[in-house]
Amino acid sequence: MIENGQTNDEAQIRQLLDEWVDALWVKDVDKILQLYSPDVVTFDVVPPLQYIGTPAYGKSFRRMFDAFRGSITFETCDLSIAVGADVAFSHSLVRTIGTTNNGEKTDRWLRRTVCLRKVGGKWLIVHEHVSLPVDPESGNAVQDLQP
């Protein structure tokens, strides 16, 4: 049986994830970073191996936003959320669609795991891992898979 508090926490986490998508759509780095703990550790699809802290991760978002014309569409599929008293995690498949500055259209599915901690009654992202599968024979990322 799910406790009322857990149901409310899950709703808050879903809202946070929706706010992240909305901020991504309008390329609002500051709004995105408000959703992360200042000491967040992230593993993204682009180098380096990890980003530590919101200033470092903010540079990655700015670089990504600068590389795309217009908005970036972000679609979440198969979202699962597990909630504890003060920690939670989610995993999902996510689709990103956009057009780069050189006119190349991108449309790929990624894997995303988000770990959160409740601090002062507010959920914040403390760890995020975004990845692409890799072909073990070629060593290349596989970007054409779909759920």
N, C-alpha and C. Protein backbone atom coordinates (compact mmCIF):
# COMPACT_ATOMS: atom_id res chain seq x y z
N MET A 1 0.84 -1.19 0.00
CA MET A 1 0.00 0.00 0.00
C MET A 1 0.88 1.24 0.00
N ILE A 2 0.58 2.20 -0.87
CA ILE A 2 1.34 3.44 -0.96
C ILE A 2 0.79 4.44 0.04
N GLU A 3 1.70 5.00 0.79
CA GLU A 3 1.33 6.02 1.75
C GLU A 3 0.96 7.30 1.00
N ASN A 4 0.10 8.10 1.63
CA ASN A 4 -0.30 9.37 1.03
C ASN A 4 0.90 10.27 0.75
N GLY A 5 1.86 10.31 1.68
CA GLY A 5 3.06 11.13 1.50
C GLY A 5 3.86 10.69 0.29
N GLN A 6 3.96 9.37 0.07
CA GLN A 6 4.69 8.87 -1.09
C GLN A 6 3.99 9.26 -2.38
N THR A 7 2.67 9.20 -2.39
CA THR A 7 1.91 9.60 -3.57
C THR A 7 2.15 11.07 -3.86
N ASN A 8 2.12 11.91 -2.82
CA ASN A 8 2.38 13.34 -2.97
C ASN A 8 3.81 13.57 -3.45
N ASP A 9 4.77 12.82 -2.89
CA ASP A 9 6.17 12.97 -3.31
C ASP A 9 6.33 12.57 -4.78
N GLU A 10 5.68 11.51 -5.18
CA GLU A 10 5.77 11.10 -6.59
C GLU A 10 5.20 12.18 -7.50
N ALA A 11 4.10 12.79 -7.09
CA ALA A 11 3.51 13.88 -7.87
C ALA A 11 4.47 15.06 -7.96
N GLN A 12 5.15 15.38 -6.87
CA GLN A 12 6.11 16.47 -6.88
C GLN A 12 7.28 16.16 -7.81
N ILE A 13 7.73 14.91 -7.81
CA ILE A 13 8.84 14.51 -8.68
C ILE A 13 8.41 14.57 -10.15
N ARG A 14 7.21 14.10 -10.45
CA ARG A 14 6.69 14.20 -11.82
C ARG A 14 6.62 15.66 -12.26
N GLN A 15 6.19 16.52 -11.36
CA GLN A 15 6.12 17.95 -11.67
C GLN A 15 7.52 18.50 -11.95
N LEU A 16 8.51 18.12 -11.13
CA LEU A 16 9.89 18.56 -11.33
C LEU A 16 10.39 18.11 -12.70
N LEU A 17 10.12 16.86 -13.07
CA LEU A 17 10.56 16.35 -14.37
C LEU A 17 9.85 17.07 -15.51
N ASP A 18 8.59 17.41 -15.32
CA ASP A 18 7.86 18.19 -16.33
C ASP A 18 8.44 19.61 -16.46
N GLU A 19 8.79 20.22 -15.32
CA GLU A 19 9.40 21.55 -15.34
C GLU A 19 10.73 21.51 -16.09
N TRP A 20 11.48 20.43 -15.92
CA TRP A 20 12.75 20.25 -16.62
C TRP A 20 12.52 20.25 -18.13
N VAL A 21 11.52 19.49 -18.58
CA VAL A 21 11.20 19.43 -20.01
C VAL A 21 10.77 20.80 -20.52
N ASP A 22 9.93 21.50 -19.77
CA ASP A 22 9.47 22.84 -20.18
C ASP A 22 10.65 23.81 -20.31
N ALA A 23 11.58 23.75 -19.36
CA ALA A 23 12.75 24.63 -19.39
C ALA A 23 13.68 24.26 -20.55
N LEU A 24 13.78 22.99 -20.84
CA LEU A 24 14.59 22.55 -21.99
C LEU A 24 14.01 23.10 -23.28
N TRP A 25 12.68 23.03 -23.41
CA TRP A 25 12.00 23.51 -24.62
C TRP A 25 12.35 24.96 -24.92
N VAL A 26 12.41 25.80 -23.89
CA VAL A 26 12.69 27.23 -24.09
C VAL A 26 14.17 27.57 -23.85
N LYS A 27 14.98 26.55 -23.64
CA LYS A 27 16.43 26.70 -23.46
C LYS A 27 16.77 27.60 -22.27
N ASP A 28 16.10 27.40 -21.16
CA ASP A 28 16.30 28.20 -19.96
C ASP A 28 17.24 27.46 -19.00
N VAL A 29 18.53 27.70 -19.15
CA VAL A 29 19.54 27.01 -18.35
C VAL A 29 19.34 27.28 -16.87
N ASP A 30 19.07 28.52 -16.50
CA ASP A 30 18.91 28.87 -15.08
C ASP A 30 17.77 28.08 -14.45
N LYS A 31 16.64 27.98 -15.15
CA LYS A 31 15.49 27.23 -14.63
C LYS A 31 15.85 25.75 -14.48
N ILE A 32 16.53 25.21 -15.46
CA ILE A 32 16.94 23.80 -15.38
C ILE A 32 17.82 23.58 -14.15
N LEU A 33 18.81 24.44 -13.97
CA LEU A 33 19.77 24.24 -12.88
C LEU A 33 19.14 24.40 -11.51
N GLN A 34 18.03 25.13 -11.40
CA GLN A 34 17.32 25.25 -10.12
C GLN A 34 16.76 23.90 -9.66
N LEU A 35 16.63 22.96 -10.58
CA LEU A 35 16.06 21.66 -10.26
C LEU A 35 17.12 20.67 -9.75
N TYR A 36 18.38 21.08 -9.80
CA TYR A 36 19.49 20.23 -9.38
C TYR A 36 20.07 20.71 -8.05
N SER A 37 20.61 19.77 -7.30
CA SER A 37 21.38 20.13 -6.12
C SER A 37 22.67 20.80 -6.59
N PRO A 38 23.16 21.81 -5.87
CA PRO A 38 24.39 22.48 -6.30
C PRO A 38 25.58 21.52 -6.47
N ASP A 39 25.59 20.41 -5.73
CA ASP A 39 26.70 19.46 -5.81
C ASP A 39 26.36 18.23 -6.65
N VAL A 40 25.43 18.37 -7.59
CA VAL A 40 25.01 17.27 -8.45
C VAL A 40 26.22 16.65 -9.16
N VAL A 41 26.13 15.34 -9.37
CA VAL A 41 27.10 14.62 -10.19
C VAL A 41 26.31 14.01 -11.35
N THR A 42 26.74 14.33 -12.57
CA THR A 42 26.01 13.84 -13.75
C THR A 42 26.95 13.12 -14.70
N PHE A 43 26.39 12.08 -15.34
CA PHE A 43 27.07 11.35 -16.40
C PHE A 43 26.23 11.57 -17.66
N ASP A 44 26.78 12.28 -18.62
CA ASP A 44 26.03 12.65 -19.81
C ASP A 44 26.58 11.91 -21.02
N VAL A 45 25.92 12.05 -22.16
CA VAL A 45 26.36 11.37 -23.38
C VAL A 45 27.57 12.05 -24.01
N VAL A 46 27.87 13.26 -23.61
CA VAL A 46 29.02 13.99 -24.14
C VAL A 46 30.11 14.11 -23.08
N PRO A 47 31.39 14.17 -23.52
CA PRO A 47 32.48 14.30 -22.56
C PRO A 47 32.34 15.57 -21.74
N PRO A 48 32.92 15.57 -20.55
CA PRO A 48 33.83 14.59 -19.94
C PRO A 48 33.08 13.40 -19.33
N LEU A 49 33.79 12.56 -18.60
CA LEU A 49 33.18 11.39 -17.98
C LEU A 49 32.11 11.77 -16.98
N GLN A 50 32.29 12.91 -16.31
CA GLN A 50 31.31 13.36 -15.34
C GLN A 50 31.36 14.88 -15.21
N TYR A 51 30.23 15.41 -14.78
CA TYR A 51 30.13 16.82 -14.44
C TYR A 51 29.85 16.87 -12.95
N ILE A 52 30.58 17.72 -12.23
CA ILE A 52 30.36 17.86 -10.80
C ILE A 52 29.95 19.29 -10.52
N GLY A 53 28.74 19.44 -9.99
CA GLY A 53 28.22 20.76 -9.64
C GLY A 53 27.44 21.39 -10.77
N THR A 54 26.52 22.27 -10.39
CA THR A 54 25.66 22.91 -11.39
C THR A 54 26.43 23.87 -12.32
N PRO A 55 27.49 24.56 -11.87
CA PRO A 55 28.21 25.40 -12.84
C PRO A 55 28.77 24.58 -14.01
N ALA A 56 29.34 23.43 -13.72
CA ALA A 56 29.90 22.57 -14.78
C ALA A 56 28.79 22.04 -15.69
N TYR A 57 27.70 21.59 -15.09
CA TYR A 57 26.63 21.03 -15.91
C TYR A 57 25.93 22.13 -16.71
N GLY A 58 25.86 23.33 -16.16
CA GLY A 58 25.28 24.45 -16.88
C GLY A 58 26.04 24.75 -18.16
N LYS A 59 27.38 24.62 -18.13
CA LYS A 59 28.18 24.82 -19.35
C LYS A 59 27.79 23.81 -20.42
N SER A 60 27.51 22.58 -20.02
CA SER A 60 27.10 21.55 -20.98
C SER A 60 25.77 21.91 -21.61
N PHE A 61 24.81 22.36 -20.80
CA PHE A 61 23.51 22.77 -21.35
C PHE A 61 23.67 23.95 -22.31
N ARG A 62 24.47 24.92 -21.94
CA ARG A 62 24.67 26.09 -22.81
C ARG A 62 25.28 25.67 -24.14
N ARG A 63 26.26 24.78 -24.09
CA ARG A 63 26.90 24.28 -25.31
C ARG A 63 25.87 23.57 -26.19
N MET A 64 25.02 22.74 -25.57
CA MET A 64 23.99 22.02 -26.32
C MET A 64 23.00 23.02 -26.93
N PHE A 65 22.51 23.95 -26.14
CA PHE A 65 21.53 24.91 -26.64
C PHE A 65 22.10 25.75 -27.78
N ASP A 66 23.37 26.13 -27.66
CA ASP A 66 24.01 26.92 -28.71
C ASP A 66 24.17 26.14 -30.01
N ALA A 67 24.17 24.82 -29.94
CA ALA A 67 24.36 23.97 -31.12
C ALA A 67 23.05 23.73 -31.89
N PHE A 68 21.90 24.10 -31.31
CA PHE A 68 20.61 23.82 -31.93
C PHE A 68 19.87 25.10 -32.29
N ARG A 69 19.21 25.04 -33.45
CA ARG A 69 18.28 26.09 -33.87
C ARG A 69 16.95 25.85 -33.17
N GLY A 70 16.36 26.86 -32.67
CA GLY A 70 15.02 26.71 -32.11
C GLY A 70 14.96 25.76 -30.93
N SER A 71 13.76 25.28 -30.68
CA SER A 71 13.50 24.43 -29.52
C SER A 71 13.99 23.01 -29.73
N ILE A 72 14.20 22.33 -28.61
CA ILE A 72 14.54 20.91 -28.60
C ILE A 72 13.35 20.19 -27.99
N THR A 73 12.80 19.24 -28.73
CA THR A 73 11.67 18.46 -28.23
C THR A 73 12.21 17.31 -27.40
N PHE A 74 11.57 17.06 -26.28
CA PHE A 74 11.99 16.02 -25.35
C PHE A 74 10.76 15.21 -24.97
N GLU A 75 10.75 13.95 -25.29
CA GLU A 75 9.60 13.07 -25.03
C GLU A 75 10.03 11.95 -24.07
N THR A 76 9.27 11.75 -23.02
CA THR A 76 9.57 10.71 -22.04
C THR A 76 8.68 9.51 -22.25
N CYS A 77 9.28 8.33 -22.18
CA CYS A 77 8.55 7.08 -22.38
C CYS A 77 8.92 6.11 -21.26
N ASP A 78 7.96 5.34 -20.80
CA ASP A 78 8.20 4.30 -19.79
C ASP A 78 8.82 4.85 -18.50
N LEU A 79 8.32 5.99 -18.03
CA LEU A 79 8.83 6.58 -16.80
C LEU A 79 8.41 5.74 -15.60
N SER A 80 9.40 5.41 -14.78
CA SER A 80 9.16 4.69 -13.53
C SER A 80 9.81 5.49 -12.40
N ILE A 81 9.06 5.66 -11.30
CA ILE A 81 9.57 6.42 -10.16
C ILE A 81 9.43 5.58 -8.90
N ALA A 82 10.52 5.50 -8.14
CA ALA A 82 10.51 4.84 -6.83
C ALA A 82 10.83 5.89 -5.78
N VAL A 83 9.99 5.97 -4.75
CA VAL A 83 10.11 7.05 -3.76
C VAL A 83 10.31 6.47 -2.37
N GLY A 84 11.31 6.99 -1.66
CA GLY A 84 11.51 6.69 -0.25
C GLY A 84 11.23 7.94 0.56
N ALA A 85 11.59 7.91 1.84
CA ALA A 85 11.31 9.05 2.71
C ALA A 85 12.00 10.33 2.24
N ASP A 86 13.29 10.23 1.89
CA ASP A 86 14.01 11.42 1.45
C ASP A 86 14.90 11.20 0.24
N VAL A 87 14.79 10.02 -0.39
CA VAL A 87 15.50 9.75 -1.64
C VAL A 87 14.53 9.09 -2.61
N ALA A 88 14.78 9.31 -3.89
CA ALA A 88 13.93 8.72 -4.93
C ALA A 88 14.77 8.57 -6.20
N PHE A 89 14.31 7.70 -7.09
CA PHE A 89 14.96 7.63 -8.39
C PHE A 89 13.92 7.33 -9.44
N SER A 90 14.27 7.71 -10.66
CA SER A 90 13.41 7.42 -11.79
C SER A 90 14.28 6.92 -12.93
N HIS A 91 13.66 6.15 -13.80
CA HIS A 91 14.35 5.78 -15.04
C HIS A 91 13.33 5.82 -16.16
N SER A 92 13.81 6.14 -17.35
CA SER A 92 12.93 6.26 -18.50
C SER A 92 13.75 6.19 -19.78
N LEU A 93 13.03 6.03 -20.86
CA LEU A 93 13.60 6.21 -22.18
C LEU A 93 13.15 7.59 -22.63
N VAL A 94 14.04 8.35 -23.24
CA VAL A 94 13.71 9.70 -23.64
C VAL A 94 14.12 9.93 -25.08
N ARG A 95 13.28 10.64 -25.78
CA ARG A 95 13.52 10.96 -27.19
C ARG A 95 13.82 12.44 -27.31
N THR A 96 14.90 12.77 -27.99
CA THR A 96 15.23 14.17 -28.24
C THR A 96 15.18 14.41 -29.74
N ILE A 97 14.52 15.51 -30.11
CA ILE A 97 14.36 15.87 -31.51
C ILE A 97 14.72 17.34 -31.65
N GLY A 98 15.54 17.64 -32.64
CA GLY A 98 15.91 19.02 -32.88
C GLY A 98 16.64 19.18 -34.20
N THR A 99 17.00 20.41 -34.50
CA THR A 99 17.76 20.71 -35.70
C THR A 99 19.00 21.50 -35.30
N THR A 100 20.16 20.98 -35.68
CA THR A 100 21.40 21.65 -35.34
C THR A 100 21.58 22.91 -36.19
N ASN A 101 22.53 23.73 -35.80
CA ASN A 101 22.78 24.98 -36.53
C ASN A 101 23.20 24.75 -37.98
N ASN A 102 23.76 23.57 -38.27
CA ASN A 102 24.15 23.29 -39.65
C ASN A 102 23.02 22.62 -40.44
N GLY A 103 21.81 22.58 -39.84
CA GLY A 103 20.64 22.06 -40.53
C GLY A 103 20.40 20.57 -40.39
N GLU A 104 21.25 19.88 -39.64
CA GLU A 104 21.08 18.44 -39.44
C GLU A 104 19.94 18.18 -38.45
N LYS A 105 19.01 17.34 -38.85
CA LYS A 105 17.91 16.97 -37.96
C LYS A 105 18.35 15.78 -37.11
N THR A 106 18.09 15.88 -35.81
CA THR A 106 18.42 14.77 -34.91
C THR A 106 17.13 14.23 -34.31
N ASP A 107 17.10 12.94 -34.13
CA ASP A 107 15.95 12.26 -33.54
C ASP A 107 16.48 10.96 -32.97
N ARG A 108 16.72 10.95 -31.66
CA ARG A 108 17.29 9.74 -31.05
C ARG A 108 16.70 9.48 -29.67
N TRP A 109 16.71 8.21 -29.33
CA TRP A 109 16.26 7.76 -28.02
C TRP A 109 17.48 7.54 -27.13
N LEU A 110 17.36 7.98 -25.89
CA LEU A 110 18.40 7.85 -24.89
C LEU A 110 17.83 7.14 -23.66
N ARG A 111 18.72 6.73 -22.79
CA ARG A 111 18.31 6.17 -21.50
C ARG A 111 18.64 7.21 -20.43
N ARG A 112 17.71 7.41 -19.49
CA ARG A 112 17.91 8.44 -18.47
C ARG A 112 17.53 7.90 -17.10
N THR A 113 18.44 8.08 -16.16
CA THR A 113 18.19 7.77 -14.75
C THR A 113 18.40 9.04 -13.95
N VAL A 114 17.44 9.36 -13.09
CA VAL A 114 17.51 10.56 -12.26
C VAL A 114 17.36 10.13 -10.80
N CYS A 115 18.31 10.55 -9.98
CA CYS A 115 18.26 10.28 -8.54
C CYS A 115 18.02 11.61 -7.83
N LEU A 116 17.11 11.57 -6.86
CA LEU A 116 16.71 12.80 -6.18
C LEU A 116 16.83 12.65 -4.67
N ARG A 117 16.99 13.80 -4.01
CA ARG A 117 17.00 13.84 -2.55
C ARG A 117 16.06 14.96 -2.13
N LYS A 118 15.33 14.71 -1.06
CA LYS A 118 14.44 15.73 -0.51
C LYS A 118 15.22 16.55 0.52
N VAL A 119 15.36 17.84 0.23
CA VAL A 119 16.14 18.73 1.08
C VAL A 119 15.24 19.89 1.48
N GLY A 120 15.00 20.03 2.76
CA GLY A 120 14.14 21.11 3.23
C GLY A 120 12.74 21.04 2.65
N GLY A 121 12.26 19.82 2.43
CA GLY A 121 10.91 19.62 1.90
C GLY A 121 10.81 19.74 0.39
N LYS A 122 11.95 19.95 -0.29
CA LYS A 122 11.95 20.13 -1.74
C LYS A 122 12.81 19.05 -2.41
N TRP A 123 12.27 18.44 -3.46
CA TRP A 123 13.03 17.44 -4.22
C TRP A 123 14.00 18.13 -5.16
N LEU A 124 15.26 17.64 -5.17
CA LEU A 124 16.29 18.14 -6.08
C LEU A 124 16.99 16.95 -6.72
N ILE A 125 17.43 17.13 -7.94
CA ILE A 125 18.19 16.09 -8.63
C ILE A 125 19.62 16.12 -8.09
N VAL A 126 20.09 14.97 -7.57
CA VAL A 126 21.45 14.88 -7.04
C VAL A 126 22.36 14.06 -7.95
N HIS A 127 21.76 13.27 -8.82
CA HIS A 127 22.54 12.49 -9.79
C HIS A 127 21.68 12.23 -11.02
N GLU A 128 22.31 12.33 -12.18
CA GLU A 128 21.62 12.03 -13.43
C GLU A 128 22.58 11.28 -14.33
N HIS A 129 22.05 10.27 -15.02
CA HIS A 129 22.86 9.49 -15.95
C HIS A 129 22.07 9.37 -17.25
N VAL A 130 22.64 9.89 -18.32
CA VAL A 130 22.03 9.82 -19.65
C VAL A 130 23.01 9.06 -20.54
N SER A 131 22.51 8.06 -21.27
CA SER A 131 23.43 7.26 -22.07
C SER A 131 22.79 6.74 -23.35
N LEU A 132 23.65 6.32 -24.24
CA LEU A 132 23.29 5.62 -25.47
C LEU A 132 23.89 4.23 -25.40
N PRO A 133 23.21 3.23 -25.94
CA PRO A 133 23.84 1.91 -26.02
C PRO A 133 25.05 1.97 -26.96
N VAL A 134 26.01 1.08 -26.74
CA VAL A 134 27.21 1.02 -27.57
C VAL A 134 27.29 -0.34 -28.23
N ASP A 135 27.61 -0.34 -29.52
CA ASP A 135 27.85 -1.59 -30.26
C ASP A 135 29.21 -2.13 -29.82
N PRO A 136 29.25 -3.31 -29.18
CA PRO A 136 30.53 -3.81 -28.65
C PRO A 136 31.56 -4.13 -29.75
N GLU A 137 31.10 -4.42 -30.94
CA GLU A 137 32.04 -4.74 -32.02
C GLU A 137 32.72 -3.50 -32.59
N SER A 138 31.94 -2.44 -32.82
CA SER A 138 32.51 -1.24 -33.42
C SER A 138 32.97 -0.22 -32.38
N GLY A 139 32.38 -0.29 -31.18
CA GLY A 139 32.67 0.70 -30.14
C GLY A 139 31.91 1.99 -30.35
N ASN A 140 31.01 2.04 -31.35
CA ASN A 140 30.23 3.24 -31.65
C ASN A 140 28.90 3.24 -30.93
N ALA A 141 28.45 4.45 -30.60
CA ALA A 141 27.12 4.60 -30.01
C ALA A 141 26.06 4.19 -31.04
N VAL A 142 25.03 3.53 -30.57
CA VAL A 142 23.92 3.13 -31.44
C VAL A 142 22.82 4.15 -31.25
N GLN A 143 22.54 4.92 -32.30
CA GLN A 143 21.62 6.05 -32.18
C GLN A 143 20.29 5.85 -32.89
N ASP A 144 20.06 4.68 -33.43
CA ASP A 144 18.83 4.49 -34.21
C ASP A 144 17.86 3.51 -33.56
N LEU A 145 18.05 3.19 -32.30
CA LEU A 145 17.14 2.28 -31.60
C LEU A 145 15.89 3.03 -31.16
N GLN A 146 14.78 2.31 -31.10
CA GLN A 146 13.51 2.86 -30.66
C GLN A 146 12.85 1.88 -29.70
N PRO A 147 12.04 2.40 -28.77
CA PRO A 147 11.34 1.48 -27.85
C PRO A 147 10.29 0.66 -28.57
